C-alpha cells in the first residue's frame, strides 16, 4: 500500500511539471538586438549589407532582391526595417 501511494505521488508530480512545460513563442527582438544583428552582418562596417554579407543569413539572402528597393545591390537600415515591418 505504501508503495502504491509513492507511485501515485510521483505520477502526480511528473504530470504537473509536464503541464507547465508549454511551448511559448520567442519574444520579438528589441531594437538594440536588431541593431546588433545588423552590425554582425555588416562585416566591412560601411553601413549597408551587401549581397555577399547577406549570405550569412539564409532568410535575408532569399529576400534580398525584394528588400533592396533602390536596387543598389546593398541594404540600408531603412530598407531592412521597412522590409521587416512588412513581413510582420
N, C-alpha and C. Protein backbone atom coordinates (compact mmCIF):
# COMPACT_ATOMS: atom_id res chain seq x y z
N UNK A 1 0.82 -1.19 0.00
CA UNK A 1 0.00 0.00 0.00
C UNK A 1 0.87 1.26 0.00
N UNK A 2 1.93 1.24 0.81
CA UNK A 2 2.81 2.38 0.89
C UNK A 2 3.49 2.64 -0.47
N UNK A 3 3.87 1.58 -1.17
CA UNK A 3 4.50 1.73 -2.49
C UNK A 3 3.52 2.32 -3.50
N UNK A 4 2.25 1.94 -3.39
CA UNK A 4 1.22 2.46 -4.28
C UNK A 4 1.05 3.97 -4.09
N UNK A 5 1.10 4.43 -2.87
CA UNK A 5 0.98 5.86 -2.58
C UNK A 5 2.18 6.61 -3.16
N UNK A 6 3.38 6.04 -3.00
CA UNK A 6 4.59 6.67 -3.54
C UNK A 6 4.52 6.77 -5.06
N UNK A 7 4.07 5.73 -5.72
CA UNK A 7 3.95 5.74 -7.18
C UNK A 7 2.92 6.76 -7.62
N UNK A 8 1.81 6.84 -6.93
CA UNK A 8 0.76 7.81 -7.26
C UNK A 8 1.27 9.24 -7.08
N UNK A 9 2.01 9.47 -5.99
CA UNK A 9 2.56 10.81 -5.73
C UNK A 9 3.58 11.19 -6.80
N UNK A 10 4.43 10.25 -7.15
CA UNK A 10 5.43 10.51 -8.19
C UNK A 10 4.76 10.79 -9.53
N UNK A 11 3.73 10.07 -9.87
CA UNK A 11 2.98 10.30 -11.11
C UNK A 11 2.36 11.68 -11.12
N UNK A 12 1.81 12.09 -9.99
CA UNK A 12 1.20 13.42 -9.90
C UNK A 12 2.24 14.52 -10.09
N UNK A 13 3.39 14.37 -9.47
CA UNK A 13 4.46 15.37 -9.59
C UNK A 13 4.95 15.46 -11.04
N UNK A 14 5.16 14.33 -11.66
CA UNK A 14 5.65 14.33 -13.04
C UNK A 14 4.63 14.91 -14.02
N UNK A 15 3.36 14.62 -13.81
CA UNK A 15 2.35 15.13 -14.73
C UNK A 15 2.15 16.63 -14.56
N UNK A 16 2.30 17.15 -13.35
CA UNK A 16 2.16 18.59 -13.11
C UNK A 16 3.29 19.34 -13.80
N UNK A 17 4.52 18.84 -13.72
CA UNK A 17 5.64 19.53 -14.35
C UNK A 17 5.50 19.52 -15.87
N UNK A 18 4.95 18.46 -16.42
CA UNK A 18 4.73 18.40 -17.87
C UNK A 18 3.68 19.41 -18.31
N UNK A 19 2.71 19.67 -17.46
CA UNK A 19 1.66 20.63 -17.81
C UNK A 19 2.21 22.05 -17.91
N UNK A 20 3.25 22.36 -17.13
CA UNK A 20 3.83 23.70 -17.16
C UNK A 20 4.88 23.87 -18.26
N UNK A 21 5.30 22.80 -18.88
CA UNK A 21 6.32 22.87 -19.93
C UNK A 21 5.66 23.12 -21.28
N UNK A 22 5.14 24.32 -21.46
CA UNK A 22 4.46 24.65 -22.70
C UNK A 22 5.42 25.34 -23.66
N UNK A 23 5.07 25.30 -24.91
CA UNK A 23 5.85 25.96 -25.95
C UNK A 23 5.32 27.37 -26.16
N UNK A 24 6.05 28.36 -25.70
CA UNK A 24 5.66 29.75 -25.93
C UNK A 24 6.49 30.30 -27.08
N UNK A 25 5.92 31.18 -27.90
CA UNK A 25 6.70 31.76 -28.99
C UNK A 25 7.83 32.62 -28.44
N UNK A 26 8.90 32.68 -29.18
CA UNK A 26 10.04 33.51 -28.77
C UNK A 26 9.64 34.98 -28.80
N UNK A 27 10.12 35.75 -27.84
CA UNK A 27 9.78 37.18 -27.84
C UNK A 27 10.41 37.89 -29.03
N UNK A 28 9.77 38.97 -29.47
CA UNK A 28 10.30 39.76 -30.57
C UNK A 28 11.62 40.39 -30.14
N UNK A 29 12.60 40.42 -31.03
CA UNK A 29 13.87 41.05 -30.66
C UNK A 29 13.69 42.55 -30.45
N UNK A 30 14.45 43.08 -29.51
CA UNK A 30 14.40 44.51 -29.24
C UNK A 30 15.15 45.27 -30.32
N UNK A 31 15.01 46.58 -30.33
CA UNK A 31 15.70 47.40 -31.32
C UNK A 31 17.21 47.25 -31.21
N UNK A 32 17.71 47.16 -30.00
CA UNK A 32 19.16 47.01 -29.83
C UNK A 32 19.64 45.65 -30.31
N UNK A 33 18.81 44.61 -30.15
CA UNK A 33 19.18 43.29 -30.66
C UNK A 33 19.19 43.28 -32.19
N UNK A 34 18.20 43.95 -32.80
CA UNK A 34 18.16 44.05 -34.26
C UNK A 34 19.38 44.81 -34.76
N UNK A 35 19.75 45.85 -34.06
CA UNK A 35 20.91 46.64 -34.43
C UNK A 35 22.18 45.80 -34.34
N UNK A 36 22.27 44.98 -33.29
CA UNK A 36 23.43 44.11 -33.12
C UNK A 36 23.51 43.11 -34.26
N UNK A 37 22.37 42.56 -34.67
CA UNK A 37 22.37 41.62 -35.79
C UNK A 37 22.82 42.31 -37.06
N UNK A 38 22.37 43.54 -37.28
CA UNK A 38 22.75 44.31 -38.46
C UNK A 38 24.26 44.52 -38.45
N UNK A 39 24.81 44.85 -37.28
CA UNK A 39 26.25 45.07 -37.16
C UNK A 39 27.04 43.80 -37.47
N UNK A 40 26.51 42.66 -37.05
CA UNK A 40 27.19 41.39 -37.32
C UNK A 40 27.22 41.10 -38.82
N UNK A 41 26.14 41.44 -39.51
CA UNK A 41 26.08 41.18 -40.95
C UNK A 41 26.92 42.18 -41.74
N UNK A 42 26.99 43.41 -41.28
CA UNK A 42 27.76 44.45 -41.97
C UNK A 42 29.23 44.31 -41.60
N UNK A 43 29.86 43.30 -42.18
CA UNK A 43 31.23 42.93 -41.81
C UNK A 43 32.23 44.07 -42.07
N UNK A 44 32.12 44.74 -43.20
CA UNK A 44 33.09 45.78 -43.53
C UNK A 44 32.77 47.13 -42.90
N UNK A 45 31.63 47.24 -42.20
CA UNK A 45 31.29 48.44 -41.47
C UNK A 45 30.95 49.65 -42.31
N UNK A 46 30.50 49.42 -43.55
CA UNK A 46 30.18 50.56 -44.42
C UNK A 46 28.76 51.09 -44.22
N UNK A 47 28.00 50.49 -43.32
CA UNK A 47 26.64 50.97 -43.03
C UNK A 47 25.57 50.34 -43.88
N UNK A 48 25.94 49.40 -44.73
CA UNK A 48 24.94 48.68 -45.54
C UNK A 48 25.36 47.22 -45.64
N UNK A 49 24.39 46.38 -45.99
CA UNK A 49 24.65 44.95 -46.12
C UNK A 49 24.64 44.58 -47.59
N UNK A 50 25.77 44.09 -48.06
CA UNK A 50 25.89 43.68 -49.46
C UNK A 50 25.29 42.29 -49.64
N UNK A 51 25.16 41.86 -50.90
CA UNK A 51 24.64 40.51 -51.16
C UNK A 51 25.53 39.46 -50.53
N UNK A 52 26.85 39.65 -50.62
CA UNK A 52 27.77 38.68 -50.03
C UNK A 52 27.62 38.62 -48.51
N UNK A 53 27.45 39.79 -47.87
CA UNK A 53 27.27 39.81 -46.43
C UNK A 53 25.94 39.18 -46.05
N UNK A 54 24.91 39.35 -46.85
CA UNK A 54 23.59 38.81 -46.57
C UNK A 54 23.56 37.29 -46.66
N UNK A 55 24.51 36.69 -47.35
CA UNK A 55 24.54 35.23 -47.49
C UNK A 55 24.70 34.52 -46.15
N UNK A 56 25.15 35.24 -45.13
CA UNK A 56 25.30 34.64 -43.80
C UNK A 56 23.95 34.37 -43.14
N UNK A 57 22.91 35.01 -43.63
CA UNK A 57 21.56 34.83 -43.10
C UNK A 57 20.68 34.31 -44.23
N UNK A 58 20.32 33.02 -44.23
CA UNK A 58 19.58 32.44 -45.34
C UNK A 58 18.25 33.15 -45.64
N UNK A 59 17.54 33.59 -44.61
CA UNK A 59 16.27 34.28 -44.82
C UNK A 59 16.49 35.62 -45.50
N UNK A 60 17.47 36.36 -45.02
CA UNK A 60 17.78 37.66 -45.61
C UNK A 60 18.27 37.50 -47.04
N UNK A 61 19.09 36.51 -47.27
CA UNK A 61 19.61 36.26 -48.61
C UNK A 61 18.49 35.95 -49.59
N UNK A 62 17.51 35.17 -49.14
CA UNK A 62 16.40 34.80 -50.01
C UNK A 62 15.53 35.99 -50.37
N UNK A 63 15.42 36.97 -49.47
CA UNK A 63 14.57 38.13 -49.71
C UNK A 63 15.35 39.37 -50.14
N UNK A 64 16.63 39.21 -50.39
CA UNK A 64 17.49 40.36 -50.65
C UNK A 64 16.97 41.24 -51.79
N UNK A 65 16.66 40.65 -52.92
CA UNK A 65 16.21 41.43 -54.08
C UNK A 65 14.92 42.19 -53.79
N UNK A 66 14.04 41.57 -53.04
CA UNK A 66 12.78 42.22 -52.67
C UNK A 66 13.02 43.40 -51.71
N UNK A 67 13.95 43.22 -50.78
CA UNK A 67 14.23 44.26 -49.78
C UNK A 67 15.04 45.43 -50.35
N UNK A 68 15.86 45.14 -51.36
CA UNK A 68 16.71 46.17 -51.96
C UNK A 68 15.87 47.03 -52.90
N UNK A 69 15.07 47.91 -52.32
CA UNK A 69 14.08 48.68 -53.10
C UNK A 69 14.72 49.66 -54.08
N UNK A 70 15.91 50.18 -53.77
CA UNK A 70 16.54 51.12 -54.69
C UNK A 70 17.48 50.41 -55.68
N UNK A 71 17.54 49.09 -55.58
CA UNK A 71 18.34 48.24 -56.49
C UNK A 71 19.81 48.66 -56.55
N UNK A 72 20.33 49.05 -55.38
CA UNK A 72 21.73 49.47 -55.30
C UNK A 72 22.69 48.30 -55.09
N UNK A 73 22.14 47.13 -54.79
CA UNK A 73 23.00 45.97 -54.53
C UNK A 73 23.39 45.85 -53.08
N UNK A 74 22.85 46.74 -52.24
CA UNK A 74 23.09 46.66 -50.81
C UNK A 74 21.85 47.11 -50.06
N UNK A 75 21.74 46.66 -48.80
CA UNK A 75 20.58 47.01 -47.97
C UNK A 75 20.99 48.03 -46.91
N UNK A 76 20.24 49.11 -46.84
CA UNK A 76 20.44 50.09 -45.79
C UNK A 76 19.59 49.69 -44.59
N UNK A 77 19.81 50.35 -43.47
CA UNK A 77 18.98 50.06 -42.29
C UNK A 77 17.52 50.40 -42.58
N UNK A 78 17.29 51.44 -43.36
CA UNK A 78 15.91 51.83 -43.70
C UNK A 78 15.23 50.75 -44.53
N UNK A 79 15.93 50.22 -45.53
CA UNK A 79 15.34 49.17 -46.37
C UNK A 79 15.06 47.92 -45.55
N UNK A 80 16.00 47.58 -44.68
CA UNK A 80 15.83 46.39 -43.85
C UNK A 80 14.67 46.57 -42.88
N UNK A 81 14.57 47.73 -42.24
CA UNK A 81 13.47 48.00 -41.31
C UNK A 81 12.12 47.98 -42.02
N UNK A 82 12.06 48.60 -43.20
CA UNK A 82 10.82 48.61 -43.96
C UNK A 82 10.40 47.21 -44.35
N UNK A 83 11.34 46.40 -44.77
CA UNK A 83 11.06 45.03 -45.16
C UNK A 83 10.60 44.18 -43.99
N UNK A 84 11.20 44.40 -42.83
CA UNK A 84 10.83 43.62 -41.64
C UNK A 84 9.44 44.01 -41.16
N UNK A 85 9.09 45.28 -41.27
CA UNK A 85 7.76 45.69 -40.81
C UNK A 85 6.67 45.17 -41.74
N UNK A 86 6.99 45.00 -43.03
CA UNK A 86 6.03 44.43 -43.98
C UNK A 86 5.76 42.97 -43.67
N UNK A 87 6.80 42.24 -43.26
CA UNK A 87 6.65 40.80 -43.05
C UNK A 87 5.96 40.46 -41.74
N UNK A 88 5.74 41.43 -40.86
CA UNK A 88 5.11 41.12 -39.57
C UNK A 88 3.65 41.30 -39.62
